PDB file of N, CA and C in Angstrom:
ATOM      1  N   MET A   1     -93.003 -33.360 232.733  1.00  0.00           N
ATOM      2  CA  MET A   1     -94.023 -32.652 232.121  1.00  0.00           C
ATOM      3  C   MET A   1     -93.513 -31.308 232.109  1.00  0.00           C
ATOM      4  N   PRO A   2     -93.561 -30.364 230.836  1.00  0.00           N
ATOM      5  CA  PRO A   2     -93.131 -28.997 230.955  1.00  0.00           C
ATOM      6  C   PRO A   2     -94.393 -28.057 231.056  1.00  0.00           C
ATOM      7  N   PHE A   3     -93.934 -26.808 231.547  1.00  0.00           N
ATOM      8  CA  PHE A   3     -94.798 -25.708 231.826  1.00  0.00           C
ATOM      9  C   PHE A   3     -95.294 -25.045 230.493  1.00  0.00           C
ATOM     10  N   TYR A   4     -96.272 -24.834 229.934  1.00  0.00           N
ATOM     11  CA  TYR A   4     -96.859 -24.033 228.858  1.00  0.00           C
ATOM     12  C   TYR A   4     -97.726 -22.823 229.088  1.00  0.00           C
ATOM     13  N   GLU A   5     -97.730 -21.789 228.357  1.00  0.00           N
ATOM     14  CA  GLU A   5     -98.762 -20.758 228.629  1.00  0.00           C
ATOM     15  C   GLU A   5     -99.808 -20.808 227.302  1.00  0.00           C
ATOM     16  N   PHE A   6    -100.905 -20.532 227.993  1.00  0.00           N
ATOM     17  CA  PHE A   6    -102.215 -20.740 226.865  1.00  0.00           C
ATOM     18  C   PHE A   6    -103.106 -19.551 226.943  1.00  0.00           C
ATOM     19  N   GLU A   7    -103.673 -19.239 225.982  1.00  0.00           N
ATOM     20  CA  GLU A   7    -104.421 -17.789 225.812  1.00  0.00           C
ATOM     21  C   GLU A   7    -105.782 -18.155 225.469  1.00  0.00           C
ATOM     22  N   CYS A   8    -106.751 -17.459 225.968  1.00  0.00           N
ATOM     23  CA  CYS A   8    -108.197 -17.660 225.451  1.00  0.00           C
ATOM     24  C   CYS A   8    -108.563 -16.417 224.659  1.00  0.00           C
ATOM     25  N   PRO A   9    -109.634 -16.751 224.188  1.00  0.00           N
ATOM     26  CA  PRO A   9    -110.145 -15.747 223.174  1.00  0.00           C
ATOM     27  C   PRO A   9    -110.393 -14.358 223.937  1.00  0.00           C
ATOM     28  N   HIS A  10    -110.597 -14.442 225.191  1.00  0.00           N
ATOM     29  CA  HIS A  10    -110.802 -13.077 226.198  1.00  0.00           C
ATOM     30  C   HIS A  10    -109.329 -12.353 226.490  1.00  0.00           C
ATOM     31  N   GLY A  11    -108.285 -13.045 226.210  1.00  0.00           N
ATOM     32  CA  GLY A  11    -106.885 -12.486 226.282  1.00  0.00           C
ATOM     33  C   GLY A  11    -106.341 -13.073 227.683  1.00  0.00           C
ATOM     34  N   THR A  12    -106.992 -14.050 228.535  1.00  0.00           N
ATOM     35  CA  THR A  12    -106.268 -14.468 229.692  1.00  0.00           C
ATOM     36  C   THR A  12    -105.333 -15.546 229.481  1.00  0.00           C
ATOM     37  N   VAL A  13    -104.119 -15.268 229.907  1.00  0.00           N
ATOM     38  CA  VAL A  13    -103.068 -16.104 229.782  1.00  0.00           C
ATOM     39  C   VAL A  13    -102.979 -16.902 230.963  1.00  0.00           C
ATOM     40  N   THR A  14    -102.802 -18.276 230.925  1.00  0.00           N
ATOM     41  CA  THR A  14    -102.553 -19.111 231.943  1.00  0.00           C
ATOM     42  C   THR A  14    -101.398 -19.975 231.699  1.00  0.00           C
ATOM     43  N   GLU A  15    -100.559 -20.165 232.716  1.00  0.00           N
ATOM     44  CA  GLU A  15     -99.491 -21.040 232.867  1.00  0.00           C
ATOM     45  C   GLU A  15     -99.845 -22.518 233.254  1.00  0.00           C
ATOM     46  N   LYS A  16     -99.673 -23.567 232.851  1.00  0.00           N
ATOM     47  CA  LYS A  16    -100.134 -25.057 233.214  1.00  0.00           C
ATOM     48  C   LYS A  16     -98.972 -25.932 232.691  1.00  0.00           C
ATOM     49  N   LEU A  17     -98.867 -26.810 233.812  1.00  0.00           N
ATOM     50  CA  LEU A  17     -97.950 -27.962 233.577  1.00  0.00           C
ATOM     51  C   LEU A  17     -98.822 -29.181 233.010  1.00  0.00           C
ATOM     52  N   VAL A  18     -98.582 -29.391 231.846  1.00  0.00           N
ATOM     53  CA  VAL A  18     -99.289 -30.558 230.975  1.00  0.00           C
ATOM     54  C   VAL A  18     -98.438 -31.369 230.066  1.00  0.00           C
ATOM     55  N   LYS A  19     -98.788 -32.266 229.535  1.00  0.00           N
ATOM     56  CA  LYS A  19     -98.148 -33.132 228.753  1.00  0.00           C
ATOM     57  C   LYS A  19     -97.504 -32.628 227.469  1.00  0.00           C
ATOM     58  N   MET A  20     -96.373 -33.044 226.903  1.00  0.00           N
ATOM     59  CA  MET A  20     -95.963 -32.545 225.542  1.00  0.00           C
ATOM     60  C   MET A  20     -97.026 -33.003 224.577  1.00  0.00           C
ATOM     61  N   GLY A  21     -97.035 -32.067 223.517  1.00  0.00           N
ATOM     62  CA  GLY A  21     -98.048 -32.032 222.566  1.00  0.00           C
ATOM     63  C   GLY A  21     -99.312 -31.765 222.862  1.00  0.00           C
ATOM     64  N   THR A  22     -99.581 -31.211 223.911  1.00  0.00           N
ATOM     65  CA  THR A  22    -101.019 -30.519 224.328  1.00  0.00           C
ATOM     66  C   THR A  22    -101.070 -29.119 223.522  1.00  0.00           C
ATOM     67  N   THR A  23    -102.104 -29.029 222.774  1.00  0.00           N
ATOM     68  CA  THR A  23    -102.376 -27.847 222.133  1.00  0.00           C
ATOM     69  C   THR A  23    -103.432 -26.855 222.763  1.00  0.00           C
ATOM     70  N   GLU A  24    -104.396 -27.203 223.270  1.00  0.00           N
ATOM     71  CA  GLU A  24    -105.210 -26.295 224.267  1.00  0.00           C
ATOM     72  C   GLU A  24    -105.698 -27.071 225.263  1.00  0.00           C
ATOM     73  N   ILE A  25    -106.192 -26.040 226.313  1.00  0.00           N
ATOM     74  CA  ILE A  25    -106.875 -26.361 227.324  1.00  0.00           C
ATOM     75  C   ILE A  25    -108.184 -25.634 227.506  1.00  0.00           C
ATOM     76  N   ARG A  26    -108.785 -25.877 228.756  1.00  0.00           N
ATOM     77  CA  ARG A  26    -109.908 -24.895 229.147  1.00  0.00           C
ATOM     78  C   ARG A  26    -109.538 -23.859 229.823  1.00  0.00           C
ATOM     79  N   CYS A  27    -109.977 -22.657 229.510  1.00  0.00           N
ATOM     80  CA  CYS A  27    -109.371 -21.379 230.370  1.00  0.00           C
ATOM     81  C   CYS A  27    -110.141 -21.423 231.829  1.00  0.00           C
ATOM     82  N   PRO A  28    -109.380 -21.173 232.929  1.00  0.00           N
ATOM     83  CA  PRO A  28    -109.963 -21.219 234.306  1.00  0.00           C
ATOM     84  C   PRO A  28    -110.893 -20.391 234.548  1.00  0.00           C
ATOM     85  N   LYS A  29    -110.873 -19.353 233.746  1.00  0.00           N
ATOM     86  CA  LYS A  29    -111.826 -18.384 234.086  1.00  0.00           C
ATOM     87  C   LYS A  29    -113.053 -18.183 233.470  1.00  0.00           C
ATOM     88  N   CYS A  30    -113.004 -18.322 232.194  1.00  0.00           N
ATOM     89  CA  CYS A  30    -114.250 -18.412 231.157  1.00  0.00           C
ATOM     90  C   CYS A  30    -114.544 -19.595 230.608  1.00  0.00           C
ATOM     91  N   ARG A  31    -113.759 -20.761 230.959  1.00  0.00           N
ATOM     92  CA  ARG A  31    -114.173 -22.010 230.436  1.00  0.00           C
ATOM     93  C   ARG A  31    -114.021 -22.217 229.036  1.00  0.00           C
ATOM     94  N   GLN A  32    -113.692 -21.342 228.013  1.00  0.00           N
ATOM     95  CA  GLN A  32    -113.606 -21.475 226.641  1.00  0.00           C
ATOM     96  C   GLN A  32    -112.152 -22.038 226.531  1.00  0.00           C
ATOM     97  N   ARG A  33    -112.142 -22.420 225.110  1.00  0.00           N
ATOM     98  CA  ARG A  33    -110.780 -23.176 224.717  1.00  0.00           C
ATOM     99  C   ARG A  33    -109.715 -22.018 224.574  1.00  0.00           C
ATOM    100  N   ALA A  34    -108.291 -22.592 225.214  1.00  0.00           N
ATOM    101  CA  ALA A  34    -107.305 -21.628 225.450  1.00  0.00           C
ATOM    102  C   ALA A  34    -106.156 -22.265 224.745  1.00  0.00           C
ATOM    103  N   LYS A  35    -105.720 -21.363 223.627  1.00  0.00           N
ATOM    104  CA  LYS A  35    -104.538 -22.188 222.835  1.00  0.00           C
ATOM    105  C   LYS A  35    -103.188 -21.980 223.149  1.00  0.00           C
ATOM    106  N   LYS A  36    -102.339 -22.896 223.041  1.00  0.00           N
ATOM    107  CA  LYS A  36    -100.852 -22.589 223.317  1.00  0.00           C
ATOM    108  C   LYS A  36    -100.221 -21.628 222.688  1.00  0.00           C
ATOM    109  N   ILE A  37     -99.459 -20.736 223.311  1.00  0.00           N
ATOM    110  CA  ILE A  37     -98.915 -19.571 222.917  1.00  0.00           C
ATOM    111  C   ILE A  37     -97.188 -19.816 222.922  1.00  0.00           C
ATOM    112  N   ILE A  38     -96.451 -19.177 222.189  1.00  0.00           N
ATOM    113  CA  ILE A  38     -94.966 -18.947 222.409  1.00  0.00           C
ATOM    114  C   ILE A  38     -94.638 -17.910 223.360  1.00  0.00           C
ATOM    115  N   SER A  39     -94.100 -18.417 224.530  1.00  0.00           N
ATOM    116  CA  SER A  39     -93.565 -17.272 225.523  1.00  0.00           C
ATOM    117  C   SER A  39     -92.316 -16.958 225.234  1.00  0.00           C
ATOM    118  N   LEU A  40     -91.949 -16.016 226.082  1.00  0.00           N
ATOM    119  CA  LEU A  40     -90.411 -15.544 225.953  1.00  0.00           C
ATOM    120  C   LEU A  40     -89.431 -16.229 226.740  1.00  0.00           C
ATOM    121  N   CYS A  41     -88.275 -16.420 226.167  1.00  0.00           N
ATOM    122  CA  CYS A  41     -87.472 -17.261 226.994  1.00  0.00           C
ATOM    123  C   CYS A  41     -86.676 -16.521 228.238  1.00  0.00           C
ATOM    124  N   THR A  42     -86.569 -16.959 229.200  1.00  0.00           N
ATOM    125  CA  THR A  42     -85.789 -16.300 230.351  1.00  0.00           C
ATOM    126  C   THR A  42     -84.474 -16.934 230.709  1.00  0.00           C
ATOM    127  N   PHE A  43     -83.802 -17.388 229.643  1.00  0.00           N
ATOM    128  CA  PHE A  43     -82.604 -18.000 229.944  1.00  0.00           C
ATOM    129  C   PHE A  43     -81.430 -16.929 229.621  1.00  0.00           C
ATOM    130  N   HIS A  44     -80.621 -16.641 230.974  1.00  0.00           N
ATOM    131  CA  HIS A  44     -79.524 -15.856 230.728  1.00  0.00           C
ATOM    132  C   HIS A  44     -77.992 -16.562 231.076  1.00  0.00           C
ATOM    133  N   LEU A  45     -77.121 -16.235 230.602  1.00  0.00           N
ATOM    134  CA  LEU A  45     -75.750 -16.590 231.214  1.00  0.00           C
ATOM    135  C   LEU A  45     -75.219 -15.519 231.985  1.00  0.00           C
ATOM    136  N   LYS A  46     -75.022 -15.476 233.184  1.00  0.00           N
ATOM    137  CA  LYS A  46     -74.581 -14.499 234.009  1.00  0.00           C
ATOM    138  C   LYS A  46     -73.436 -14.922 234.737  1.00  0.00           C
ATOM    139  N   GLY A  47     -72.408 -13.980 235.326  1.00  0.00           N
ATOM    140  CA  GLY A  47     -71.377 -14.326 236.179  1.00  0.00           C
ATOM    141  C   GLY A  47     -70.306 -15.218 235.178  1.00  0.00           C
ATOM    142  N   GLY A  48     -69.548 -16.065 236.131  1.00  0.00           N
ATOM    143  CA  GLY A  48     -68.639 -16.702 235.459  1.00  0.00           C
ATOM    144  C   GLY A  48     -69.213 -18.139 235.043  1.00  0.00           C
ATOM    145  N   GLY A  49     -68.729 -18.810 234.130  1.00  0.00           N
ATOM    146  CA  GLY A  49     -68.957 -20.070 233.724  1.00  0.00           C
ATOM    147  C   GLY A  49     -68.221 -20.500 232.661  1.00  0.00           C
ATOM    148  N   TRP A  50     -68.905 -21.795 232.162  1.00  0.00           N
ATOM    149  CA  TRP A  50     -68.032 -22.353 230.733  1.00  0.00           C
ATOM    150  C   TRP A  50     -67.995 -21.224 229.698  1.00  0.00           C
ATOM    151  N   TYR A  51     -69.150 -20.475 229.331  1.00  0.00           N
ATOM    152  CA  TYR A  51     -68.992 -19.543 228.051  1.00  0.00           C
ATOM    153  C   TYR A  51     -68.168 -18.491 228.553  1.00  0.00           C
ATOM    154  N   ALA A  52     -68.337 -17.851 229.506  1.00  0.00           N
ATOM    155  CA  ALA A  52     -67.660 -16.467 230.097  1.00  0.00           C
ATOM    156  C   ALA A  52     -66.182 -16.747 230.272  1.00  0.00           C
ATOM    157  N   ASP A  53     -65.860 -17.782 230.933  1.00  0.00           N
ATOM    158  CA  ASP A  53     -64.410 -18.198 231.282  1.00  0.00           C
ATOM    159  C   ASP A  53     -63.514 -18.766 230.236  1.00  0.00           C
ATOM    160  N   GLY A  54     -64.103 -19.556 229.283  1.00  0.00           N
ATOM    161  CA  GLY A  54     -63.336 -20.545 228.468  1.00  0.00           C
ATOM    162  C   GLY A  54     -63.832 -20.481 227.159  1.00  0.00           C
ATOM    163  N   TYR A  55     -64.752 -20.967 226.757  1.00  0.00           N
ATOM    164  CA  TYR A  55     -65.432 -21.113 225.435  1.00  0.00           C
ATOM    165  C   TYR A  55     -65.178 -19.880 224.420  1.00  0.00           C
ATOM    166  N   ALA A  56     -65.553 -18.990 224.997  1.00  0.00           N
ATOM    167  CA  ALA A  56     -65.386 -17.608 223.794  1.00  0.00           C
ATOM    168  C   ALA A  56     -64.106 -16.807 224.112  1.00  0.00           C
ATOM    169  N   SER A  57     -63.376 -17.206 224.934  1.00  0.00           N
ATOM    170  CA  SER A  57     -62.069 -16.626 225.230  1.00  0.00           C
ATOM    171  C   SER A  57     -61.173 -16.853 224.385  1.00  0.00           C
ATOM    172  N   SER A  58     -60.520 -15.618 223.541  1.00  0.00           N
ATOM    173  CA  SER A  58     -59.290 -15.866 222.926  1.00  0.00           C
ATOM    174  C   SER A  58     -58.208 -16.075 223.806  1.00  0.00           C
ATOM    175  N   ARG A  59     -58.071 -15.764 224.903  1.00  0.00           N
ATOM    176  CA  ARG A  59     -56.998 -16.057 225.915  1.00  0.00           C
ATOM    177  C   ARG A  59     -56.562 -17.432 226.093  1.00  0.00           C
ATOM    178  N   GLU A  60     -57.346 -18.353 226.075  1.00  0.00           N
ATOM    179  CA  GLU A  60     -57.558 -19.837 226.189  1.00  0.00           C
ATOM    180  C   GLU A  60     -56.572 -20.296 224.865  1.00  0.00           C
ATOM    181  N   LYS A  61     -56.978 -19.688 223.877  1.00  0.00           N
ATOM    182  CA  LYS A  61     -56.459 -20.302 222.572  1.00  0.00           C
ATOM    183  C   LYS A  61     -54.873 -19.860 222.696  1.00  0.00           C
ATOM    184  N   LYS A  62     -54.543 -18.734 222.893  1.00  0.00           N
ATOM    185  CA  LYS A  62     -53.015 -18.143 223.172  1.00  0.00           C
ATOM    186  C   LYS A  62     -52.368 -19.322 224.107  1.00  0.00           C
ATOM    187  N   ILE A  63     -52.838 -19.625 225.062  1.00  0.00           N
ATOM    188  CA  ILE A  63     -52.149 -20.425 226.273  1.00  0.00           C
ATOM    189  C   ILE A  63     -51.911 -21.786 225.615  1.00  0.00           C
ATOM    190  N   LYS A  64     -52.672 -22.199 224.915  1.00  0.00           N
ATOM    191  CA  LYS A  64     -52.698 -23.565 224.519  1.00  0.00           C
ATOM    192  C   LYS A  64     -51.754 -23.529 223.250  1.00  0.00           C
ATOM    193  N   ASN A  65     -51.560 -22.544 222.359  1.00  0.00           N
ATOM    194  CA  ASN A  65     -50.419 -22.457 221.291  1.00  0.00           C
ATOM    195  C   ASN A  65     -48.945 -22.347 221.960  1.00  0.00           C
ATOM    196  N   LYS A  66     -49.166 -21.728 223.126  1.00  0.00           N
ATOM    197  CA  LYS A  66     -47.688 -21.441 223.719  1.00  0.00           C
ATOM    198  C   LYS A  66     -47.167 -22.798 224.121  1.00  0.00           C
ATOM    199  N   SER A  67     -48.213 -23.542 224.731  1.00  0.00           N
ATOM    200  CA  SER A  67     -47.500 -25.029 225.221  1.00  0.00           C
ATOM    201  C   SER A  67     -47.197 -26.094 224.233  1.00  0.00           C
ATOM    202  N   VAL A  68     -47.439 -25.880 223.000  1.00  0.00           N
ATOM    203  CA  VAL A  68     -47.293 -26.895 221.623  1.00  0.00           C
ATOM    204  C   VAL A  68     -45.973 -26.527 221.241  1.00  0.00           C
TER     205      VAL A  68
END
């Protein structure tokens, strides 16, 4: 089950672990319906790894061409 963010009419944002397909919950503060909102993505590629070290590198292509 994924975490989703919900916002009530008073502006309270709540993060909750719910089943996929859940569109609204009850706000824990005001008990009104809180609708699912789109939250910001926090995915970052940092340091070494597949993208930084090989996938986007033109150096890798030069090495492969020399060995052929």
